[in-house]
Amino acid sequence: EDDEDKTESTKTNIATSNPKSARIGEENLSSEGFVKEPERTLCDLLNVTEMETGVETNTKKKEETMVIMNRVVRELQSECGDDGEKKIAAASEVRLLAKDDTEARVTLAM
């Protein structure tokens, strides 16, 4: 019985000791009642911006390369009557594009 009484009195003390903290989520609210934003340092913000810029640049580069590759493939597949000069130029351009990209070289080799 003593253990039960101690437990009940502890629960009562916890519940009545600080009525503000009894509300769920109260610790995340500012004095005005707004949800507090997590603290971010300038370094964190710069790193996020730098990562986003890198992703955007990489995406743009891939899109540009895809447009060029689509054009080159059309030229390679076209039936041209100028002794295949377009095909030779397109094949040369493909080699230049794939020069630094090992994945593209493997794909083209297939």
N, C-alpha and C. Protein backbone atom coordinates (compact mmCIF):
# COMPACT_ATOMS: atom_id res chain seq x y z
N GLU A 1 0.82 -1.19 0.00
CA GLU A 1 0.00 0.00 0.00
C GLU A 1 0.86 1.25 0.00
N ASP A 2 1.97 1.21 0.72
CA ASP A 2 2.83 2.38 0.77
C ASP A 2 3.38 2.72 -0.60
N ASP A 3 3.72 1.68 -1.39
CA ASP A 3 4.24 1.92 -2.73
C ASP A 3 3.18 2.56 -3.61
N GLU A 4 1.93 2.10 -3.48
CA GLU A 4 0.86 2.68 -4.27
C GLU A 4 0.62 4.13 -3.88
N ASP A 5 0.68 4.43 -2.59
CA ASP A 5 0.49 5.81 -2.12
C ASP A 5 1.60 6.71 -2.64
N LYS A 6 2.84 6.21 -2.63
CA LYS A 6 3.97 7.00 -3.13
C LYS A 6 3.81 7.28 -4.62
N THR A 7 3.38 6.27 -5.36
CA THR A 7 3.19 6.43 -6.79
C THR A 7 2.11 7.46 -7.07
N GLU A 8 1.01 7.38 -6.36
CA GLU A 8 -0.08 8.34 -6.55
C GLU A 8 0.37 9.75 -6.19
N SER A 9 1.11 9.89 -5.10
CA SER A 9 1.55 11.23 -4.70
C SER A 9 2.58 11.78 -5.69
N THR A 10 3.41 10.91 -6.25
CA THR A 10 4.37 11.35 -7.25
C THR A 10 3.65 11.82 -8.50
N LYS A 11 2.64 11.08 -8.95
CA LYS A 11 1.86 11.48 -10.11
C LYS A 11 1.19 12.82 -9.87
N THR A 12 0.65 12.99 -8.67
CA THR A 12 -0.02 14.25 -8.34
C THR A 12 0.98 15.39 -8.33
N ASN A 13 2.16 15.19 -7.77
CA ASN A 13 3.18 16.23 -7.73
C ASN A 13 3.64 16.61 -9.13
N ILE A 14 3.82 15.64 -9.98
CA ILE A 14 4.26 15.92 -11.34
C ILE A 14 3.20 16.69 -12.09
N ALA A 15 1.96 16.29 -11.93
CA ALA A 15 0.87 16.94 -12.66
C ALA A 15 0.62 18.36 -12.17
N THR A 16 0.84 18.61 -10.89
CA THR A 16 0.53 19.94 -10.35
C THR A 16 1.75 20.84 -10.24
N SER A 17 2.94 20.29 -10.40
CA SER A 17 4.14 21.10 -10.19
C SER A 17 4.29 22.20 -11.23
N ASN A 18 4.00 21.92 -12.49
CA ASN A 18 4.13 22.92 -13.54
C ASN A 18 2.99 22.73 -14.53
N PRO A 19 1.91 23.44 -14.34
CA PRO A 19 0.74 23.22 -15.19
C PRO A 19 1.00 23.56 -16.66
N LYS A 20 1.91 24.48 -16.95
CA LYS A 20 2.18 24.84 -18.35
C LYS A 20 2.80 23.67 -19.11
N SER A 21 3.71 22.94 -18.47
CA SER A 21 4.37 21.85 -19.16
C SER A 21 3.49 20.62 -19.28
N ALA A 22 2.32 20.65 -18.65
CA ALA A 22 1.41 19.52 -18.75
C ALA A 22 0.75 19.46 -20.12
N ARG A 23 0.75 20.57 -20.86
CA ARG A 23 0.16 20.57 -22.20
C ARG A 23 1.12 19.91 -23.18
N ILE A 24 0.55 19.13 -24.06
CA ILE A 24 1.37 18.44 -25.07
C ILE A 24 1.90 19.46 -26.06
N GLY A 25 3.19 19.42 -26.33
CA GLY A 25 3.80 20.31 -27.31
C GLY A 25 4.08 21.71 -26.80
N GLU A 26 3.83 21.96 -25.54
CA GLU A 26 4.00 23.30 -24.97
C GLU A 26 5.45 23.77 -25.06
N GLU A 27 6.40 22.82 -24.93
CA GLU A 27 7.81 23.20 -24.92
C GLU A 27 8.28 23.72 -26.28
N ASN A 28 7.54 23.46 -27.35
CA ASN A 28 7.93 23.92 -28.68
C ASN A 28 7.32 25.25 -29.06
N LEU A 29 6.57 25.86 -28.15
CA LEU A 29 5.92 27.12 -28.46
C LEU A 29 6.70 28.28 -27.88
N SER A 30 6.72 29.39 -28.62
CA SER A 30 7.36 30.60 -28.12
C SER A 30 6.39 31.29 -27.17
N SER A 31 6.83 32.39 -26.57
CA SER A 31 5.97 33.12 -25.64
C SER A 31 4.74 33.69 -26.34
N GLU A 32 4.81 33.89 -27.66
CA GLU A 32 3.66 34.41 -28.41
C GLU A 32 2.72 33.30 -28.85
N GLY A 33 3.09 32.05 -28.61
CA GLY A 33 2.24 30.93 -28.98
C GLY A 33 2.56 30.35 -30.34
N PHE A 34 3.62 30.82 -31.00
CA PHE A 34 4.01 30.30 -32.31
C PHE A 34 5.00 29.16 -32.13
N VAL A 35 5.02 28.26 -33.09
CA VAL A 35 5.97 27.15 -33.05
C VAL A 35 7.35 27.70 -33.31
N LYS A 36 8.30 27.30 -32.48
CA LYS A 36 9.68 27.77 -32.62
C LYS A 36 10.35 27.08 -33.80
N GLU A 37 11.10 27.83 -34.59
CA GLU A 37 11.90 27.27 -35.67
C GLU A 37 13.19 26.74 -35.07
N PRO A 38 13.71 25.64 -35.60
CA PRO A 38 15.00 25.16 -35.10
C PRO A 38 16.10 26.17 -35.43
N GLU A 39 17.05 26.30 -34.55
CA GLU A 39 18.15 27.23 -34.75
C GLU A 39 19.02 26.74 -35.90
N ARG A 40 19.32 27.63 -36.83
CA ARG A 40 20.22 27.30 -37.94
C ARG A 40 21.34 28.31 -37.96
N THR A 41 22.51 27.80 -38.23
CA THR A 41 23.64 28.70 -38.31
C THR A 41 23.80 29.16 -39.75
N LEU A 42 24.54 30.22 -39.93
CA LEU A 42 24.80 30.74 -41.26
C LEU A 42 25.51 29.69 -42.11
N CYS A 43 26.40 28.97 -41.49
CA CYS A 43 27.14 27.92 -42.20
C CYS A 43 26.18 26.85 -42.74
N ASP A 44 25.20 26.44 -41.92
CA ASP A 44 24.22 25.45 -42.37
C ASP A 44 23.44 25.96 -43.57
N LEU A 45 23.00 27.21 -43.51
CA LEU A 45 22.23 27.79 -44.61
C LEU A 45 23.06 27.89 -45.88
N LEU A 46 24.33 28.27 -45.75
CA LEU A 46 25.20 28.35 -46.92
C LEU A 46 25.44 26.97 -47.53
N ASN A 47 25.60 25.98 -46.69
CA ASN A 47 25.81 24.61 -47.20
C ASN A 47 24.58 24.12 -47.95
N VAL A 48 23.39 24.40 -47.43
CA VAL A 48 22.16 23.98 -48.11
C VAL A 48 22.06 24.68 -49.45
N THR A 49 22.33 25.98 -49.48
CA THR A 49 22.25 26.74 -50.72
C THR A 49 23.27 26.22 -51.73
N GLU A 50 24.46 25.92 -51.27
CA GLU A 50 25.51 25.41 -52.15
C GLU A 50 25.12 24.06 -52.73
N MET A 51 24.53 23.20 -51.92
CA MET A 51 24.11 21.88 -52.41
C MET A 51 23.00 22.03 -53.44
N GLU A 52 22.03 22.92 -53.17
CA GLU A 52 20.93 23.12 -54.11
C GLU A 52 21.46 23.67 -55.44
N THR A 53 22.41 24.60 -55.37
CA THR A 53 22.98 25.17 -56.59
C THR A 53 23.71 24.10 -57.38
N GLY A 54 24.45 23.25 -56.70
CA GLY A 54 25.17 22.16 -57.37
C GLY A 54 24.22 21.19 -58.06
N VAL A 55 23.12 20.88 -57.41
CA VAL A 55 22.13 19.97 -58.00
C VAL A 55 21.49 20.61 -59.22
N GLU A 56 21.14 21.89 -59.10
CA GLU A 56 20.52 22.60 -60.23
C GLU A 56 21.47 22.66 -61.42
N THR A 57 22.73 22.97 -61.17
CA THR A 57 23.72 23.05 -62.24
C THR A 57 23.90 21.69 -62.90
N ASN A 58 23.99 20.65 -62.10
CA ASN A 58 24.16 19.30 -62.63
C ASN A 58 22.95 18.90 -63.47
N THR A 59 21.75 19.24 -63.02
CA THR A 59 20.53 18.92 -63.76
C THR A 59 20.49 19.65 -65.08
N LYS A 60 20.85 20.94 -65.08
CA LYS A 60 20.85 21.72 -66.32
C LYS A 60 21.85 21.15 -67.32
N LYS A 61 23.02 20.76 -66.81
CA LYS A 61 24.04 20.20 -67.69
C LYS A 61 23.55 18.90 -68.33
N LYS A 62 22.89 18.07 -67.54
CA LYS A 62 22.37 16.80 -68.06
C LYS A 62 21.28 17.05 -69.10
N GLU A 63 20.42 18.05 -68.84
CA GLU A 63 19.37 18.38 -69.81
C GLU A 63 19.96 18.86 -71.13
N GLU A 64 20.98 19.73 -71.05
CA GLU A 64 21.63 20.22 -72.27
C GLU A 64 22.27 19.08 -73.04
N THR A 65 22.94 18.18 -72.34
CA THR A 65 23.58 17.04 -72.98
C THR A 65 22.54 16.14 -73.63
N MET A 66 21.40 15.97 -72.97
CA MET A 66 20.34 15.14 -73.53
C MET A 66 19.79 15.73 -74.82
N VAL A 67 19.61 17.05 -74.86
CA VAL A 67 19.13 17.71 -76.07
C VAL A 67 20.12 17.50 -77.21
N ILE A 68 21.40 17.67 -76.92
CA ILE A 68 22.44 17.48 -77.94
C ILE A 68 22.45 16.03 -78.42
N MET A 69 22.38 15.10 -77.49
CA MET A 69 22.39 13.68 -77.87
C MET A 69 21.18 13.32 -78.72
N ASN A 70 20.01 13.87 -78.39
CA ASN A 70 18.81 13.60 -79.20
C ASN A 70 19.00 14.10 -80.63
N ARG A 71 19.57 15.30 -80.75
CA ARG A 71 19.80 15.86 -82.09
C ARG A 71 20.79 15.00 -82.86
N VAL A 72 21.85 14.60 -82.20
CA VAL A 72 22.89 13.79 -82.85
C VAL A 72 22.32 12.44 -83.28
N VAL A 73 21.51 11.84 -82.44
CA VAL A 73 20.92 10.54 -82.78
C VAL A 73 20.01 10.68 -83.99
N ARG A 74 19.23 11.76 -84.04
CA ARG A 74 18.38 11.99 -85.23
C ARG A 74 19.23 12.11 -86.49
N GLU A 75 20.35 12.82 -86.37
CA GLU A 75 21.24 12.98 -87.53
C GLU A 75 21.85 11.64 -87.94
N LEU A 76 22.21 10.82 -86.96
CA LEU A 76 22.78 9.51 -87.27
C LEU A 76 21.75 8.58 -87.91
N GLN A 77 20.51 8.72 -87.51
CA GLN A 77 19.46 7.84 -88.04
C GLN A 77 18.86 8.35 -89.34
N SER A 78 19.10 9.60 -89.66
CA SER A 78 18.50 10.16 -90.87
C SER A 78 19.19 9.60 -92.11
N GLU A 79 18.43 9.57 -93.17
CA GLU A 79 18.99 9.14 -94.45
C GLU A 79 19.32 10.40 -95.22
N CYS A 80 20.59 10.71 -95.26
CA CYS A 80 20.99 11.95 -95.93
C CYS A 80 21.65 11.61 -97.26
N GLY A 81 21.50 12.51 -98.22
CA GLY A 81 22.04 12.28 -99.55
C GLY A 81 23.35 12.99 -99.79
N ASP A 82 23.92 13.59 -98.77
CA ASP A 82 25.17 14.34 -98.97
C ASP A 82 26.39 13.50 -98.59
N ASP A 83 26.42 12.27 -99.09
CA ASP A 83 27.55 11.35 -98.90
C ASP A 83 27.83 11.05 -97.42
N GLY A 84 26.84 11.19 -96.56
CA GLY A 84 27.00 10.84 -95.15
C GLY A 84 27.79 11.83 -94.34
N GLU A 85 27.95 13.05 -94.84
CA GLU A 85 28.72 14.05 -94.08
C GLU A 85 28.07 14.36 -92.73
N LYS A 86 26.73 14.41 -92.70
CA LYS A 86 26.04 14.66 -91.44
C LYS A 86 26.29 13.53 -90.45
N LYS A 87 26.30 12.31 -90.96
CA LYS A 87 26.52 11.16 -90.08
C LYS A 87 27.94 11.17 -89.52
N ILE A 88 28.89 11.53 -90.34
CA ILE A 88 30.28 11.59 -89.88
C ILE A 88 30.44 12.68 -88.82
N ALA A 89 29.83 13.84 -89.07
CA ALA A 89 29.90 14.93 -88.10
C ALA A 89 29.19 14.55 -86.80
N ALA A 90 28.05 13.88 -86.92
CA ALA A 90 27.30 13.46 -85.73
C ALA A 90 28.09 12.43 -84.93
N ALA A 91 28.71 11.49 -85.62
CA ALA A 91 29.51 10.47 -84.93
C ALA A 91 30.68 11.10 -84.21
N SER A 92 31.29 12.10 -84.83
CA SER A 92 32.39 12.82 -84.20
C SER A 92 31.91 13.54 -82.93
N GLU A 93 30.74 14.14 -83.03
CA GLU A 93 30.19 14.86 -81.87
C GLU A 93 29.85 13.90 -80.73
N VAL A 94 29.36 12.73 -81.08
CA VAL A 94 29.06 11.72 -80.05
C VAL A 94 30.34 11.32 -79.33
N ARG A 95 31.40 11.11 -80.09
CA ARG A 95 32.68 10.75 -79.45
C ARG A 95 33.17 11.85 -78.52
N LEU A 96 33.00 13.10 -78.93
CA LEU A 96 33.41 14.21 -78.07
C LEU A 96 32.58 14.27 -76.78
N LEU A 97 31.28 14.06 -76.92
CA LEU A 97 30.41 14.10 -75.74
C LEU A 97 30.70 12.95 -74.78
N ALA A 98 31.01 11.78 -75.33
CA ALA A 98 31.24 10.60 -74.50
C ALA A 98 32.67 10.50 -74.00
N LYS A 99 33.52 11.40 -74.42
CA LYS A 99 34.94 11.35 -74.08
C LYS A 99 35.17 11.33 -72.56
N ASP A 100 34.45 12.19 -71.83
CA ASP A 100 34.65 12.29 -70.38
C ASP A 100 33.64 11.49 -69.58
N ASP A 101 32.69 10.85 -70.24
CA ASP A 101 31.62 10.15 -69.54
C ASP A 101 31.73 8.65 -69.82
N THR A 102 32.27 7.91 -68.84
CA THR A 102 32.48 6.48 -69.05
C THR A 102 31.16 5.73 -69.21
N GLU A 103 30.12 6.17 -68.51
CA GLU A 103 28.82 5.52 -68.63
C GLU A 103 28.26 5.68 -70.04
N ALA A 104 28.44 6.86 -70.61
CA ALA A 104 27.97 7.09 -71.99
C ALA A 104 28.76 6.23 -72.97
N ARG A 105 30.06 6.07 -72.74
CA ARG A 105 30.86 5.24 -73.64
C ARG A 105 30.39 3.79 -73.60
N VAL A 106 30.08 3.30 -72.41
CA VAL A 106 29.59 1.92 -72.28
C VAL A 106 28.26 1.78 -72.99
N THR A 107 27.37 2.75 -72.81
CA THR A 107 26.06 2.70 -73.46
C THR A 107 26.20 2.73 -74.97
N LEU A 108 27.06 3.58 -75.49
CA LEU A 108 27.25 3.69 -76.93
C LEU A 108 27.91 2.44 -77.51
N ALA A 109 28.73 1.79 -76.73
CA ALA A 109 29.41 0.58 -77.20
C ALA A 109 28.43 -0.58 -77.37
N MET A 110 27.33 -0.54 -76.66
CA MET A 110 26.33 -1.60 -76.78
C MET A 110 25.68 -1.45 -78.11
